[in-house]
Amino acid sequence: VQLVESGGGLAQPGGSLRLSCTTSGFTFRTNGMKWYRQVPGKQLEWVSIIYANGDTYYADFVKGRFTISRDNAKNTVYLQMNNLKPEDTAVYYCATLRNNLERGQGTQVTVSS
């Protein structure tokens, strides 16, 4: 199983970034996926979940700003992040719902002016 995140970087407050997580080694279309984030020294925070049927859920602190989606043809899950805030600065990881150990290496998102 491989998951590779990309799309992180530096954004200004109010800006946008789109994270991608390309996967392989398992049947993507039948698995739920999630994004979570971690700030050094703080606990992991789950950000968003998308189930195999397309149902989505969001943490309250990103509702209305972030959108999770999936492309089963590309085995990829996305996280569109709009209206970014400095407190969104973190390393963002994607993972399968079936096993938290199935996750990528993370991509750094920094929101700063």
Protein backbone atom coordinates (compact mmCIF):
# COMPACT_ATOMS: atom_id res chain seq x y z
CA VAL A 1 0.00 0.00 0.00
CA GLN A 2 1.33 3.42 -0.95
CA LEU A 3 -0.11 6.86 -0.39
CA VAL A 4 1.67 9.96 -1.63
CA GLU A 5 0.49 13.43 -0.70
CA SER A 6 1.32 16.52 -2.72
CA GLY A 7 0.17 20.09 -3.14
CA GLY A 8 1.27 21.60 0.12
CA GLY A 9 3.21 24.82 0.34
CA LEU A 10 3.00 28.40 1.47
CA ALA A 11 -0.26 30.30 1.22
CA GLN A 12 -1.37 33.67 2.46
CA PRO A 13 -4.28 33.99 4.86
CA GLY A 14 -7.45 33.83 2.80
CA GLY A 15 -5.68 31.90 0.10
CA SER A 16 -6.22 28.40 -1.26
CA LEU A 17 -4.33 25.17 -1.74
CA ARG A 18 -5.36 21.83 -3.18
CA LEU A 19 -3.86 18.71 -1.69
CA SER A 20 -3.75 15.43 -3.58
CA CYS A 21 -3.17 11.93 -2.29
CA THR A 22 -2.39 9.34 -4.93
CA THR A 23 -2.73 5.75 -3.82
CA SER A 24 -1.79 2.28 -4.95
CA GLY A 25 -1.69 -1.26 -3.66
CA PHE A 26 -5.30 -1.61 -2.58
CA THR A 27 -8.78 -1.30 -4.02
CA PHE A 28 -9.25 2.42 -3.70
CA ARG A 29 -12.86 2.61 -4.87
CA THR A 30 -14.12 0.39 -2.06
CA ASN A 31 -12.29 2.18 0.73
CA GLY A 32 -13.03 5.27 2.73
CA MET A 33 -10.26 7.82 3.03
CA LYS A 34 -9.45 10.60 5.42
CA TRP A 35 -7.25 13.63 5.80
CA TYR A 36 -5.78 14.60 9.13
CA ARG A 37 -3.17 17.06 10.25
CA GLN A 38 -0.55 17.51 12.90
CA VAL A 39 1.19 20.51 14.34
CA PRO A 40 4.51 19.67 16.05
CA GLY A 41 3.91 19.10 19.73
CA LYS A 42 0.16 18.82 19.34
CA GLN A 43 -2.24 15.94 18.88
CA LEU A 44 -3.36 14.68 15.52
CA GLU A 45 -6.56 16.29 14.29
CA TRP A 46 -8.83 14.61 11.81
CA VAL A 47 -9.90 17.04 9.14
CA SER A 48 -12.20 15.26 6.74
CA ILE A 49 -13.49 11.85 5.71
CA ILE A 50 -14.91 10.56 2.47
CA TYR A 51 -16.53 7.16 2.33
CA ALA A 52 -16.56 4.83 -0.65
CA ASN A 53 -20.13 5.91 -1.39
CA GLY A 54 -19.06 9.55 -1.52
CA ASP A 55 -20.46 10.66 1.84
CA THR A 56 -18.29 13.33 3.38
CA TYR A 57 -17.68 14.65 6.87
CA TYR A 58 -15.70 17.59 8.14
CA ALA A 59 -14.27 18.77 11.41
CA ASP A 60 -16.06 21.87 12.62
CA PHE A 61 -12.96 24.02 12.22
CA VAL A 62 -12.83 23.44 8.45
CA LYS A 63 -16.54 23.25 7.58
CA GLY A 64 -17.41 25.62 4.81
CA ARG A 65 -13.76 26.13 3.89
CA PHE A 66 -12.40 22.70 2.93
CA THR A 67 -13.83 20.21 0.46
CA ILE A 68 -12.81 16.57 0.21
CA SER A 69 -13.35 14.66 -3.01
CA ARG A 70 -12.18 11.52 -4.73
CA ASP A 71 -11.47 10.31 -8.24
CA ASN A 72 -11.74 6.54 -8.31
CA ALA A 73 -10.39 6.39 -11.86
CA LYS A 74 -7.17 8.00 -10.63
CA ASN A 75 -7.09 6.33 -7.18
CA THR A 76 -6.73 9.80 -5.74
CA VAL A 77 -8.34 11.75 -2.93
CA TYR A 78 -8.22 15.53 -2.80
CA LEU A 79 -8.58 18.24 -0.21
CA GLN A 80 -9.47 21.67 -1.54
CA MET A 81 -8.63 24.23 1.11
CA ASN A 82 -10.06 27.72 0.77
CA ASN A 83 -10.00 30.77 3.01
CA LEU A 84 -6.92 29.42 4.74
CA LYS A 85 -6.06 30.67 8.21
CA PRO A 86 -2.70 30.72 10.01
CA GLU A 87 -4.03 28.07 12.38
CA ASP A 88 -4.36 25.69 9.42
CA THR A 89 -0.57 25.47 9.35
CA ALA A 90 0.33 21.81 9.84
CA VAL A 91 1.56 18.68 8.14
CA TYR A 92 -1.39 17.13 6.34
CA TYR A 93 -1.65 13.37 5.92
CA CYS A 94 -4.03 11.16 4.02
CA ALA A 95 -4.85 7.69 5.26
CA THR A 96 -7.22 4.86 4.61
CA LEU A 97 -10.13 4.52 7.02
CA ARG A 98 -9.50 0.80 7.39
CA ASN A 99 -6.01 1.20 8.86
CA ASN A 100 -4.44 4.34 10.33
CA LEU A 101 -1.02 2.90 9.56
CA GLU A 102 -1.80 3.13 5.85
CA ARG A 103 -0.87 6.74 5.42
CA GLY A 104 1.39 8.95 3.37
CA GLN A 105 4.49 10.85 4.36
CA GLY A 106 2.59 14.08 4.74
CA THR A 107 2.74 17.44 3.04
CA GLN A 108 3.52 20.70 4.81
CA VAL A 109 0.98 23.50 4.63
CA THR A 110 2.08 26.89 5.92
CA VAL A 111 -0.33 29.81 6.06
CA SER A 112 1.43 33.08 6.66
CA SER A 113 1.59 36.59 5.33
